């Protein structure tokens, strides 16, 4: 069993992420995992990510606040407990267009993107 207390979760940085605080809850530097890692991002008002795609599937769940998600073709506003799957090689941009922070859970596979 691997327990990570939220206040001790390791922070990480990712390119194209602005006004966001990101921590890993499980996997990678937060502890052992065979298949996936979990992270939580707090997105400040006006913050978010650039439109980008990767070869890995991503799953998002909004825990608090409101997050606008786009794949470059469609856009949706997610509220608490709404979720979204981003397919491998599908674009993804997150944005907090409100005046309150938003919190989002991310689940991603550990393997690297196929070549």
PDB file of N, CA and C in Angstrom:
ATOM      1  N   UNK A   1       0.850  -1.177   0.000  1.00  0.00           N
ATOM      2  CA  UNK A   1       0.000   0.000   0.000  1.00  0.00           C
ATOM      3  C   UNK A   1       0.895   1.240   0.000  1.00  0.00           C
ATOM      4  N   UNK A   2       0.551   2.213  -0.824  1.00  0.00           N
ATOM      5  CA  UNK A   2       1.310   3.458  -0.893  1.00  0.00           C
ATOM      6  C   UNK A   2       0.355   4.625  -0.644  1.00  0.00           C
ATOM      7  N   UNK A   3       0.557   5.311   0.457  1.00  0.00           N
ATOM      8  CA  UNK A   3      -0.293   6.449   0.821  1.00  0.00           C
ATOM      9  C   UNK A   3       0.480   7.732   0.583  1.00  0.00           C
ATOM     10  N   UNK A   4      -0.162   8.668  -0.089  1.00  0.00           N
ATOM     11  CA  UNK A   4       0.422   9.987  -0.307  1.00  0.00           C
ATOM     12  C   UNK A   4      -0.567  11.000   0.272  1.00  0.00           C
ATOM     13  N   UNK A   5      -0.157  11.703   1.295  1.00  0.00           N
ATOM     14  CA  UNK A   5      -0.992  12.763   1.863  1.00  0.00           C
ATOM     15  C   UNK A   5      -0.978  13.952   0.903  1.00  0.00           C
ATOM     16  N   UNK A   6      -2.129  14.550   0.708  1.00  0.00           N
ATOM     17  CA  UNK A   6      -2.234  15.624  -0.277  1.00  0.00           C
ATOM     18  C   UNK A   6      -1.237  16.741   0.000  1.00  0.00           C
ATOM     19  N   UNK A   7      -1.054  17.096   1.267  1.00  0.00           N
ATOM     20  CA  UNK A   7      -0.124  18.190   1.589  1.00  0.00           C
ATOM     21  C   UNK A   7       1.337  17.814   1.381  1.00  0.00           C
ATOM     22  N   UNK A   8       1.614  16.526   1.125  1.00  0.00           N
ATOM     23  CA  UNK A   8       2.981  16.077   0.860  1.00  0.00           C
ATOM     24  C   UNK A   8       3.157  15.593  -0.580  1.00  0.00           C
ATOM     25  N   UNK A   9       2.119  15.709  -1.405  1.00  0.00           N
ATOM     26  CA  UNK A   9       2.204  15.252  -2.791  1.00  0.00           C
ATOM     27  C   UNK A   9       3.262  16.059  -3.539  1.00  0.00           C
ATOM     28  N   UNK A  10       4.137  15.390  -4.290  1.00  0.00           N
ATOM     29  CA  UNK A  10       5.195  16.120  -4.992  1.00  0.00           C
ATOM     30  C   UNK A  10       4.651  16.981  -6.131  1.00  0.00           C
ATOM     31  N   UNK A  11       5.114  18.228  -6.173  1.00  0.00           N
ATOM     32  CA  UNK A  11       4.737  19.137  -7.257  1.00  0.00           C
ATOM     33  C   UNK A  11       5.535  18.789  -8.501  1.00  0.00           C
ATOM     34  N   UNK A  12       4.967  19.111  -9.646  1.00  0.00           N
ATOM     35  CA  UNK A  12       5.689  18.953 -10.905  1.00  0.00           C
ATOM     36  C   UNK A  12       5.306  20.098 -11.832  1.00  0.00           C
ATOM     37  N   UNK A  13       6.114  20.301 -12.838  1.00  0.00           N
ATOM     38  CA  UNK A  13       5.881  21.331 -13.847  1.00  0.00           C
ATOM     39  C   UNK A  13       5.722  20.650 -15.196  1.00  0.00           C
ATOM     40  N   UNK A  14       4.959  21.267 -16.076  1.00  0.00           N
ATOM     41  CA  UNK A  14       4.796  20.744 -17.432  1.00  0.00           C
ATOM     42  C   UNK A  14       4.780  21.924 -18.396  1.00  0.00           C
ATOM     43  N   UNK A  15       5.371  21.771 -19.568  1.00  0.00           N
ATOM     44  CA  UNK A  15       5.382  22.863 -20.523  1.00  0.00           C
ATOM     45  C   UNK A  15       3.969  23.217 -20.983  1.00  0.00           C
ATOM     46  N   UNK A  16       3.734  24.485 -21.266  1.00  0.00           N
ATOM     47  CA  UNK A  16       2.447  24.920 -21.767  1.00  0.00           C
ATOM     48  C   UNK A  16       1.361  25.041 -20.720  1.00  0.00           C
ATOM     49  N   UNK A  17       1.714  24.961 -19.443  1.00  0.00           N
ATOM     50  CA  UNK A  17       0.756  25.091 -18.344  1.00  0.00           C
ATOM     51  C   UNK A  17       1.011  26.428 -17.649  1.00  0.00           C
ATOM     52  N   UNK A  18      -0.021  27.266 -17.556  1.00  0.00           N
ATOM     53  CA  UNK A  18       0.131  28.613 -17.026  1.00  0.00           C
ATOM     54  C   UNK A  18      -0.834  28.835 -15.862  1.00  0.00           C
ATOM     55  N   UNK A  19      -0.336  29.441 -14.793  1.00  0.00           N
ATOM     56  CA  UNK A  19      -1.136  29.725 -13.594  1.00  0.00           C
ATOM     57  C   UNK A  19      -1.765  28.460 -13.032  1.00  0.00           C
ATOM     58  N   UNK A  20      -0.962  27.391 -12.967  1.00  0.00           N
ATOM     59  CA  UNK A  20      -1.431  26.105 -12.457  1.00  0.00           C
ATOM     60  C   UNK A  20      -0.449  25.569 -11.423  1.00  0.00           C
ATOM     61  N   UNK A  21      -0.999  24.954 -10.387  1.00  0.00           N
ATOM     62  CA  UNK A  21      -0.190  24.197  -9.421  1.00  0.00           C
ATOM     63  C   UNK A  21      -0.559  22.733  -9.601  1.00  0.00           C
ATOM     64  N   UNK A  22       0.444  21.908  -9.910  1.00  0.00           N
ATOM     65  CA  UNK A  22       0.195  20.509 -10.218  1.00  0.00           C
ATOM     66  C   UNK A  22       0.954  19.617  -9.247  1.00  0.00           C
ATOM     67  N   UNK A  23       0.255  18.601  -8.729  1.00  0.00           N
ATOM     68  CA  UNK A  23       0.877  17.630  -7.839  1.00  0.00           C
ATOM     69  C   UNK A  23       0.532  16.226  -8.306  1.00  0.00           C
ATOM     70  N   UNK A  24       1.419  15.298  -8.004  1.00  0.00           N
ATOM     71  CA  UNK A  24       1.163  13.886  -8.294  1.00  0.00           C
ATOM     72  C   UNK A  24       0.645  13.218  -7.018  1.00  0.00           C
ATOM     73  N   UNK A  25      -0.426  12.463  -7.172  1.00  0.00           N
ATOM     74  CA  UNK A  25      -1.008  11.743  -6.044  1.00  0.00           C
ATOM     75  C   UNK A  25      -0.500  10.314  -5.958  1.00  0.00           C
ATOM     76  N   UNK A  26      -0.308   9.689  -7.097  1.00  0.00           N
ATOM     77  CA  UNK A  26       0.191   8.317  -7.167  1.00  0.00           C
ATOM     78  C   UNK A  26       0.969   8.168  -8.465  1.00  0.00           C
ATOM     79  N   UNK A  27       1.939   7.280  -8.454  1.00  0.00           N
ATOM     80  CA  UNK A  27       2.746   7.018  -9.633  1.00  0.00           C
ATOM     81  C   UNK A  27       3.859   8.028  -9.799  1.00  0.00           C
ATOM     82  N   UNK A  28       4.785   7.696 -10.693  1.00  0.00           N
ATOM     83  CA  UNK A  28       5.976   8.517 -10.942  1.00  0.00           C
ATOM     84  C   UNK A  28       6.673   8.843  -9.617  1.00  0.00           C
ATOM     85  N   UNK A  29       6.991  10.119  -9.351  1.00  0.00           N
ATOM     86  CA  UNK A  29       7.725  10.438  -8.116  1.00  0.00           C
ATOM     87  C   UNK A  29       6.864  10.338  -6.856  1.00  0.00           C
ATOM     88  N   UNK A  30       5.557  10.087  -7.007  1.00  0.00           N
ATOM     89  CA  UNK A  30       4.676   9.929  -5.836  1.00  0.00           C
ATOM     90  C   UNK A  30       4.621   8.491  -5.348  1.00  0.00           C
ATOM     91  N   UNK A  31       5.267   7.575  -6.048  1.00  0.00           N
ATOM     92  CA  UNK A  31       5.297   6.194  -5.579  1.00  0.00           C
ATOM     93  C   UNK A  31       5.101   5.200  -6.702  1.00  0.00           C
ATOM     94  N   UNK A  32       5.170   3.930  -6.340  1.00  0.00           N
ATOM     95  CA  UNK A  32       5.121   2.881  -7.359  1.00  0.00           C
ATOM     96  C   UNK A  32       3.742   2.775  -8.017  1.00  0.00           C
ATOM     97  N   UNK A  33       3.761   2.441  -9.290  1.00  0.00           N
ATOM     98  CA  UNK A  33       2.551   2.140 -10.044  1.00  0.00           C
ATOM     99  C   UNK A  33       2.956   1.364 -11.278  1.00  0.00           C
ATOM    100  N   UNK A  34       2.151   0.398 -11.664  1.00  0.00           N
ATOM    101  CA  UNK A  34       2.466  -0.408 -12.836  1.00  0.00           C
ATOM    102  C   UNK A  34       1.842   0.139 -14.113  1.00  0.00           C
ATOM    103  N   UNK A  35       0.706   0.868 -13.998  1.00  0.00           N
ATOM    104  CA  UNK A  35      -0.022   1.216 -15.207  1.00  0.00           C
ATOM    105  C   UNK A  35      -0.361   2.693 -15.390  1.00  0.00           C
ATOM    106  N   UNK A  36      -0.588   3.427 -14.309  1.00  0.00           N
ATOM    107  CA  UNK A  36      -1.046   4.799 -14.472  1.00  0.00           C
ATOM    108  C   UNK A  36      -0.530   5.679 -13.363  1.00  0.00           C
ATOM    109  N   UNK A  37      -0.699   6.985 -13.583  1.00  0.00           N
ATOM    110  CA  UNK A  37      -0.404   7.938 -12.521  1.00  0.00           C
ATOM    111  C   UNK A  37      -1.589   8.871 -12.390  1.00  0.00           C
ATOM    112  N   UNK A  38      -1.747   9.433 -11.182  1.00  0.00           N
ATOM    113  CA  UNK A  38      -2.820  10.369 -10.872  1.00  0.00           C
ATOM    114  C   UNK A  38      -2.222  11.685 -10.447  1.00  0.00           C
ATOM    115  N   UNK A  39      -2.841  12.763 -10.899  1.00  0.00           N
ATOM    116  CA  UNK A  39      -2.408  14.085 -10.492  1.00  0.00           C
ATOM    117  C   UNK A  39      -3.602  14.984 -10.261  1.00  0.00           C
ATOM    118  N   UNK A  40      -3.363  16.048  -9.510  1.00  0.00           N
ATOM    119  CA  UNK A  40      -4.383  17.073  -9.291  1.00  0.00           C
ATOM    120  C   UNK A  40      -3.777  18.410  -9.662  1.00  0.00           C
ATOM    121  N   UNK A  41      -4.536  19.179 -10.436  1.00  0.00           N
ATOM    122  CA  UNK A  41      -4.109  20.517 -10.826  1.00  0.00           C
ATOM    123  C   UNK A  41      -5.100  21.532 -10.293  1.00  0.00           C
ATOM    124  N   UNK A  42      -4.573  22.595  -9.706  1.00  0.00           N
ATOM    125  CA  UNK A  42      -5.389  23.743  -9.339  1.00  0.00           C
ATOM    126  C   UNK A  42      -5.097  24.813 -10.379  1.00  0.00           C
ATOM    127  N   UNK A  43      -6.148  25.274 -11.029  1.00  0.00           N
ATOM    128  CA  UNK A  43      -6.012  26.242 -12.108  1.00  0.00           C
ATOM    129  C   UNK A  43      -6.545  27.587 -11.617  1.00  0.00           C
ATOM    130  N   UNK A  44      -5.681  28.573 -11.546  1.00  0.00           N
ATOM    131  CA  UNK A  44      -6.082  29.915 -11.117  1.00  0.00           C
ATOM    132  C   UNK A  44      -6.956  30.559 -12.192  1.00  0.00           C
ATOM    133  N   UNK A  45      -7.748  31.561 -11.815  1.00  0.00           N
ATOM    134  CA  UNK A  45      -8.518  32.284 -12.819  1.00  0.00           C
ATOM    135  C   UNK A  45      -7.618  32.769 -13.959  1.00  0.00           C
ATOM    136  N   UNK A  46      -8.051  32.518 -15.189  1.00  0.00           N
ATOM    137  CA  UNK A  46      -7.266  32.894 -16.352  1.00  0.00           C
ATOM    138  C   UNK A  46      -6.194  31.901 -16.733  1.00  0.00           C
ATOM    139  N   UNK A  47      -5.959  30.898 -15.900  1.00  0.00           N
ATOM    140  CA  UNK A  47      -4.926  29.906 -16.165  1.00  0.00           C
ATOM    141  C   UNK A  47      -5.415  28.775 -17.045  1.00  0.00           C
ATOM    142  N   UNK A  48      -4.467  27.937 -17.452  1.00  0.00           N
ATOM    143  CA  UNK A  48      -4.813  26.780 -18.252  1.00  0.00           C
ATOM    144  C   UNK A  48      -3.632  26.266 -19.032  1.00  0.00           C
ATOM    145  N   UNK A  49      -3.926  25.490 -20.064  1.00  0.00           N
ATOM    146  CA  UNK A  49      -2.887  24.885 -20.889  1.00  0.00           C
ATOM    147  C   UNK A  49      -3.032  25.343 -22.329  1.00  0.00           C
ATOM    148  N   UNK A  50      -1.958  25.214 -23.064  1.00  0.00           N
ATOM    149  CA  UNK A  50      -2.022  25.443 -24.502  1.00  0.00           C
ATOM    150  C   UNK A  50      -2.675  24.226 -25.157  1.00  0.00           C
ATOM    151  N   UNK A  51      -3.149  24.389 -26.380  1.00  0.00           N
ATOM    152  CA  UNK A  51      -3.693  23.269 -27.144  1.00  0.00           C
ATOM    153  C   UNK A  51      -2.529  22.401 -27.581  1.00  0.00           C
ATOM    154  N   UNK A  52      -2.560  21.153 -27.149  1.00  0.00           N
ATOM    155  CA  UNK A  52      -1.463  20.238 -27.423  1.00  0.00           C
ATOM    156  C   UNK A  52      -2.025  18.826 -27.468  1.00  0.00           C
ATOM    157  N   UNK A  53      -1.346  17.941 -28.147  1.00  0.00           N
ATOM    158  CA  UNK A  53      -1.741  16.541 -28.220  1.00  0.00           C
ATOM    159  C   UNK A  53      -0.555  15.678 -27.827  1.00  0.00           C
ATOM    160  N   UNK A  54      -0.855  14.509 -27.285  1.00  0.00           N
ATOM    161  CA  UNK A  54       0.186  13.524 -26.995  1.00  0.00           C
ATOM    162  C   UNK A  54      -0.340  12.160 -27.417  1.00  0.00           C
ATOM    163  N   UNK A  55       0.535  11.199 -27.475  1.00  0.00           N
ATOM    164  CA  UNK A  55       0.145   9.850 -27.854  1.00  0.00           C
ATOM    165  C   UNK A  55      -0.525   9.067 -26.750  1.00  0.00           C
ATOM    166  N   UNK A  56      -0.781   9.721 -25.606  1.00  0.00           N
ATOM    167  CA  UNK A  56      -1.360   9.025 -24.465  1.00  0.00           C
ATOM    168  C   UNK A  56      -2.782   9.488 -24.180  1.00  0.00           C
ATOM    169  N   UNK A  57      -3.623   8.555 -23.804  1.00  0.00           N
ATOM    170  CA  UNK A  57      -4.983   8.855 -23.364  1.00  0.00           C
ATOM    171  C   UNK A  57      -4.935   9.617 -22.044  1.00  0.00           C
ATOM    172  N   UNK A  58      -5.874  10.558 -21.872  1.00  0.00           N
ATOM    173  CA  UNK A  58      -5.976  11.323 -20.622  1.00  0.00           C
ATOM    174  C   UNK A  58      -7.418  11.295 -20.150  1.00  0.00           C
ATOM    175  N   UNK A  59      -7.606  11.189 -18.848  1.00  0.00           N
ATOM    176  CA  UNK A  59      -8.934  11.249 -18.235  1.00  0.00           C
ATOM    177  C   UNK A  59      -8.926  12.385 -17.215  1.00  0.00           C
ATOM    178  N   UNK A  60      -9.926  13.277 -17.299  1.00  0.00           N
ATOM    179  CA  UNK A  60     -10.046  14.412 -16.392  1.00  0.00           C
ATOM    180  C   UNK A  60     -11.371  14.329 -15.644  1.00  0.00           C
ATOM    181  N   UNK A  61     -11.344  14.718 -14.368  1.00  0.00           N
ATOM    182  CA  UNK A  61     -12.555  14.875 -13.554  1.00  0.00           C
ATOM    183  C   UNK A  61     -12.430  16.212 -12.830  1.00  0.00           C
ATOM    184  N   UNK A  62     -13.404  17.092 -13.013  1.00  0.00           N
ATOM    185  CA  UNK A  62     -13.385  18.363 -12.293  1.00  0.00           C
ATOM    186  C   UNK A  62     -13.857  18.103 -10.869  1.00  0.00           C
ATOM    187  N   UNK A  63     -13.048  18.508  -9.901  1.00  0.00           N
ATOM    188  CA  UNK A  63     -13.375  18.320  -8.488  1.00  0.00           C
ATOM    189  C   UNK A  63     -14.033  19.558  -7.892  1.00  0.00           C
ATOM    190  N   UNK A  64     -13.629  20.730  -8.388  1.00  0.00           N
ATOM    191  CA  UNK A  64     -14.149  21.981  -7.844  1.00  0.00           C
ATOM    192  C   UNK A  64     -14.025  23.062  -8.911  1.00  0.00           C
ATOM    193  N   UNK A  65     -15.001  23.948  -8.965  1.00  0.00           N
ATOM    194  CA  UNK A  65     -14.935  25.052  -9.911  1.00  0.00           C
ATOM    195  C   UNK A  65     -15.449  24.657 -11.278  1.00  0.00           C
ATOM    196  N   UNK A  66     -14.919  25.338 -12.283  1.00  0.00           N
ATOM    197  CA  UNK A  66     -15.390  25.174 -13.654  1.00  0.00           C
ATOM    198  C   UNK A  66     -14.197  25.247 -14.591  1.00  0.00           C
ATOM    199  N   UNK A  67     -14.086  24.287 -15.495  1.00  0.00           N
ATOM    200  CA  UNK A  67     -12.975  24.221 -16.435  1.00  0.00           C
ATOM    201  C   UNK A  67     -13.538  24.079 -17.845  1.00  0.00           C
ATOM    202  N   UNK A  68     -13.061  24.917 -18.758  1.00  0.00           N
ATOM    203  CA  UNK A  68     -13.422  24.787 -20.164  1.00  0.00           C
ATOM    204  C   UNK A  68     -12.360  23.921 -20.823  1.00  0.00           C
ATOM    205  N   UNK A  69     -12.801  22.883 -21.519  1.00  0.00           N
ATOM    206  CA  UNK A  69     -11.878  21.974 -22.194  1.00  0.00           C
ATOM    207  C   UNK A  69     -12.190  21.987 -23.682  1.00  0.00           C
ATOM    208  N   UNK A  70     -11.137  21.985 -24.482  1.00  0.00           N
ATOM    209  CA  UNK A  70     -11.286  22.018 -25.930  1.00  0.00           C
ATOM    210  C   UNK A  70     -10.331  21.025 -26.560  1.00  0.00           C
ATOM    211  N   UNK A  71     -10.759  20.438 -27.676  1.00  0.00           N
ATOM    212  CA  UNK A  71      -9.848  19.584 -28.443  1.00  0.00           C
ATOM    213  C   UNK A  71      -9.421  20.283 -29.735  1.00  0.00           C
ATOM    214  N   UNK A  72      -9.733  21.570 -29.837  1.00  0.00           N
ATOM    215  CA  UNK A  72      -9.414  22.341 -31.023  1.00  0.00           C
ATOM    216  C   UNK A  72     -10.568  22.393 -32.010  1.00  0.00           C
ATOM    217  N   UNK A  73     -11.570  21.533 -31.816  1.00  0.00           N
ATOM    218  CA  UNK A  73     -12.749  21.494 -32.686  1.00  0.00           C
ATOM    219  C   UNK A  73     -14.027  21.687 -31.883  1.00  0.00           C
ATOM    220  N   UNK A  74     -14.062  21.074 -30.700  1.00  0.00           N
ATOM    221  CA  UNK A  74     -15.207  21.168 -29.798  1.00  0.00           C
ATOM    222  C   UNK A  74     -14.750  21.784 -28.491  1.00  0.00           C
ATOM    223  N   UNK A  75     -15.685  22.425 -27.777  1.00  0.00           N
ATOM    224  CA  UNK A  75     -15.392  23.014 -26.477  1.00  0.00           C
ATOM    225  C   UNK A  75     -16.555  22.697 -25.547  1.00  0.00           C
ATOM    226  N   UNK A  76     -16.222  22.399 -24.284  1.00  0.00           N
ATOM    227  CA  UNK A  76     -17.254  22.106 -23.289  1.00  0.00           C
ATOM    228  C   UNK A  76     -16.826  22.672 -21.951  1.00  0.00           C
ATOM    229  N   UNK A  77     -17.804  23.072 -21.159  1.00  0.00           N
ATOM    230  CA  UNK A  77     -17.553  23.529 -19.799  1.00  0.00           C
ATOM    231  C   UNK A  77     -17.859  22.377 -18.863  1.00  0.00           C
ATOM    232  N   UNK A  78     -16.856  22.009 -18.059  1.00  0.00           N
ATOM    233  CA  UNK A  78     -17.016  20.929 -17.079  1.00  0.00           C
ATOM    234  C   UNK A  78     -17.154  21.532 -15.694  1.00  0.00           C
ATOM    235  N   UNK A  79     -18.082  20.985 -14.933  1.00  0.00           N
ATOM    236  CA  UNK A  79     -18.332  21.418 -13.555  1.00  0.00           C
ATOM    237  C   UNK A  79     -18.061  20.245 -12.628  1.00  0.00           C
ATOM    238  N   UNK A  80     -18.140  20.447 -11.300  1.00  0.00           N
ATOM    239  CA  UNK A  80     -17.794  19.364 -10.376  1.00  0.00           C
ATOM    240  C   UNK A  80     -18.438  18.025 -10.730  1.00  0.00           C
ATOM    241  N   UNK A  81     -17.576  17.020 -10.782  1.00  0.00           N
ATOM    242  CA  UNK A  81     -17.863  15.613 -11.045  1.00  0.00           C
ATOM    243  C   UNK A  81     -18.124  15.320 -12.511  1.00  0.00           C
ATOM    244  N   UNK A  82     -18.068  16.339 -13.394  1.00  0.00           N
ATOM    245  CA  UNK A  82     -18.077  16.074 -14.831  1.00  0.00           C
ATOM    246  C   UNK A  82     -16.710  15.520 -15.215  1.00  0.00           C
ATOM    247  N   UNK A  83     -16.686  14.668 -16.215  1.00  0.00           N
ATOM    248  CA  UNK A  83     -15.421  14.074 -16.649  1.00  0.00           C
ATOM    249  C   UNK A  83     -15.294  14.131 -18.160  1.00  0.00           C
ATOM    250  N   UNK A  84     -14.067  13.949 -18.620  1.00  0.00           N
ATOM    251  CA  UNK A  84     -13.780  13.993 -20.046  1.00  0.00           C
ATOM    252  C   UNK A  84     -12.613  13.066 -20.353  1.00  0.00           C
ATOM    253  N   UNK A  85     -12.747  12.312 -21.441  1.00  0.00           N
ATOM    254  CA  UNK A  85     -11.638  11.497 -21.953  1.00  0.00           C
ATOM    255  C   UNK A  85     -11.067  12.193 -23.174  1.00  0.00           C
ATOM    256  N   UNK A  86      -9.753  12.307 -23.208  1.00  0.00           N
ATOM    257  CA  UNK A  86      -9.036  12.798 -24.379  1.00  0.00           C
ATOM    258  C   UNK A  86      -8.295  11.594 -24.966  1.00  0.00           C
ATOM    259  N   UNK A  87      -8.599  11.277 -26.215  1.00  0.00           N
ATOM    260  CA  UNK A  87      -8.006  10.106 -26.877  1.00  0.00           C
ATOM    261  C   UNK A  87      -6.537  10.358 -27.208  1.00  0.00           C
ATOM    262  N   UNK A  88      -5.764   9.289 -27.415  1.00  0.00           N
ATOM    263  CA  UNK A  88      -4.390   9.468 -27.872  1.00  0.00           C
ATOM    264  C   UNK A  88      -4.365  10.304 -29.151  1.00  0.00           C
ATOM    265  N   UNK A  89      -3.436  11.243 -29.224  1.00  0.00           N
ATOM    266  CA  UNK A  89      -3.229  12.133 -30.372  1.00  0.00           C
ATOM    267  C   UNK A  89      -4.353  13.145 -30.595  1.00  0.00           C
ATOM    268  N   UNK A  90      -5.295  13.255 -29.665  1.00  0.00           N
ATOM    269  CA  UNK A  90      -6.341  14.279 -29.733  1.00  0.00           C
ATOM    270  C   UNK A  90      -5.832  15.526 -29.013  1.00  0.00           C
ATOM    271  N   UNK A  91      -6.070  16.683 -29.580  1.00  0.00           N
ATOM    272  CA  UNK A  91      -5.667  17.923 -28.935  1.00  0.00           C
ATOM    273  C   UNK A  91      -6.417  18.138 -27.634  1.00  0.00           C
ATOM    274  N   UNK A  92      -5.788  18.931 -26.744  1.00  0.00           N
ATOM    275  CA  UNK A  92      -6.414  19.247 -25.463  1.00  0.00           C
ATOM    276  C   UNK A  92      -5.935  20.595 -24.981  1.00  0.00           C
ATOM    277  N   UNK A  93      -6.897  21.437 -24.614  1.00  0.00           N
ATOM    278  CA  UNK A  93      -6.590  22.710 -23.956  1.00  0.00           C
ATOM    279  C   UNK A  93      -7.556  22.864 -22.798  1.00  0.00           C
ATOM    280  N   UNK A  94      -7.025  23.237 -21.641  1.00  0.00           N
ATOM    281  CA  UNK A  94      -7.831  23.514 -20.450  1.00  0.00           C
ATOM    282  C   UNK A  94      -7.771  25.007 -20.185  1.00  0.00           C
ATOM    283  N   UNK A  95      -8.873  25.575 -19.692  1.00  0.00           N
ATOM    284  CA  UNK A  95      -8.883  27.003 -19.374  1.00  0.00           C
ATOM    285  C   UNK A  95      -9.863  27.252 -18.238  1.00  0.00           C
ATOM    286  N   UNK A  96      -9.443  28.074 -17.281  1.00  0.00           N
ATOM    287  CA  UNK A  96     -10.333  28.526 -16.221  1.00  0.00           C
ATOM    288  C   UNK A  96     -10.767  29.942 -16.586  1.00  0.00           C
ATOM    289  N   UNK A  97     -11.985  30.056 -17.103  1.00  0.00           N
ATOM    290  CA  UNK A  97     -12.519  31.348 -17.534  1.00  0.00           C
ATOM    291  C   UNK A  97     -13.329  32.038 -16.443  1.00  0.00           C
ATOM    292  N   UNK A  98     -13.233  31.566 -15.213  1.00  0.00           N
ATOM    293  CA  UNK A  98     -14.002  32.149 -14.118  1.00  0.00           C
ATOM    294  C   UNK A  98     -13.090  33.005 -13.241  1.00  0.00           C
ATOM    295  N   UNK A  99     -13.666  33.570 -12.187  1.00  0.00           N
ATOM    296  CA  UNK A  99     -12.865  34.351 -11.242  1.00  0.00           C
ATOM    297  C   UNK A  99     -12.580  33.571  -9.957  1.00  0.00           C
ATOM    298  N   UNK A 100     -12.783  32.243  -9.995  1.00  0.00           N
ATOM    299  CA  UNK A 100     -12.512  31.364  -8.858  1.00  0.00           C
ATOM    300  C   UNK A 100     -11.566  30.242  -9.294  1.00  0.00           C
ATOM    301  N   UNK A 101     -10.715  29.750  -8.387  1.00  0.00           N
ATOM    302  CA  UNK A 101      -9.852  28.621  -8.747  1.00  0.00           C
ATOM    303  C   UNK A 101     -10.683  27.392  -9.104  1.00  0.00           C
ATOM    304  N   UNK A 102     -10.105  26.530  -9.915  1.00  0.00           N
ATOM    305  CA  UNK A 102     -10.720  25.254 -10.277  1.00  0.00           C
ATOM    306  C   UNK A 102      -9.726  24.139  -9.975  1.00  0.00           C
ATOM    307  N   UNK A 103     -10.248  22.973  -9.631  1.00  0.00           N
ATOM    308  CA  UNK A 103      -9.399  21.827  -9.325  1.00  0.00           C
ATOM    309  C   UNK A 103      -9.833  20.659 -10.201  1.00  0.00           C
ATOM    310  N   UNK A 104      -8.833  20.021 -10.827  1.00  0.00           N
ATOM    311  CA  UNK A 104      -9.125  18.928 -11.757  1.00  0.00           C
ATOM    312  C   UNK A 104      -8.203  17.747 -11.477  1.00  0.00           C
ATOM    313  N   UNK A 105      -8.774  16.548 -11.516  1.00  0.00           N
ATOM    314  CA  UNK A 105      -8.035  15.295 -11.345  1.00  0.00           C
ATOM    315  C   UNK A 105      -7.656  14.776 -12.722  1.00  0.00           C
ATOM    316  N   UNK A 106      -6.436  14.298 -12.866  1.00  0.00           N
ATOM    317  CA  UNK A 106      -5.934  13.743 -14.121  1.00  0.00           C
ATOM    318  C   UNK A 106      -5.462  12.322 -13.877  1.00  0.00           C
ATOM    319  N   UNK A 107      -5.849  11.415 -14.773  1.00  0.00           N
ATOM    320  CA  UNK A 107      -5.328  10.046 -14.779  1.00  0.00           C
ATOM    321  C   UNK A 107      -4.738   9.777 -16.157  1.00  0.00           C
ATOM    322  N   UNK A 108      -3.491   9.281 -16.172  1.00  0.00           N
ATOM    323  CA  UNK A 108      -2.794   9.004 -17.432  1.00  0.00           C
ATOM    324  C   UNK A 108      -2.005   7.704 -17.307  1.00  0.00           C
ATOM    325  N   UNK A 109      -1.848   6.989 -18.417  1.00  0.00           N
ATOM    326  CA  UNK A 109      -1.005   5.795 -18.375  1.00  0.00           C
ATOM    327  C   UNK A 109       0.462   6.162 -18.160  1.00  0.00           C
ATOM    328  N   UNK A 110       1.204   5.239 -17.597  1.00  0.00           N
ATOM    329  CA  UNK A 110       2.630   5.466 -17.360  1.00  0.00           C
ATOM    330  C   UNK A 110       3.471   5.289 -18.604  1.00  0.00           C
ATOM    331  N   UNK A 111       3.078   4.408 -19.503  1.00  0.00           N
ATOM    332  CA  UNK A 111       3.938   4.114 -20.662  1.00  0.00           C
ATOM    333  C   UNK A 111       4.145   5.358 -21.494  1.00  0.00           C
ATOM    334  N   UNK A 112       5.212   5.330 -22.243  1.00  0.00           N
ATOM    335  CA  UNK A 112       5.500   6.450 -23.117  1.00  0.00           C
ATOM    336  C   UNK A 112       4.660   6.334 -24.377  1.00  0.00           C
ATOM    337  N   UNK A 113       4.494   7.430 -25.062  1.00  0.00           N
ATOM    338  CA  UNK A 113       3.717   7.432 -26.300  1.00  0.00           C
ATOM    339  C   UNK A 113       4.393   6.547 -27.344  1.00  0.00           C
ATOM    340  N   UNK A 114       3.597   5.814 -28.128  1.00  0.00           N
ATOM    341  CA  UNK A 114       4.196   4.973 -29.171  1.00  0.00           C
ATOM    342  C   UNK A 114       4.931   5.830 -30.214  1.00  0.00           C
ATOM    343  N   UNK A 115       5.985   5.295 -30.752  1.00  0.00           N
ATOM    344  CA  UNK A 115       6.780   6.032 -31.747  1.00  0.00           C
ATOM    345  C   UNK A 115       6.109   6.030 -33.094  1.00  0.00           C
TER     346      UNK A 115
END
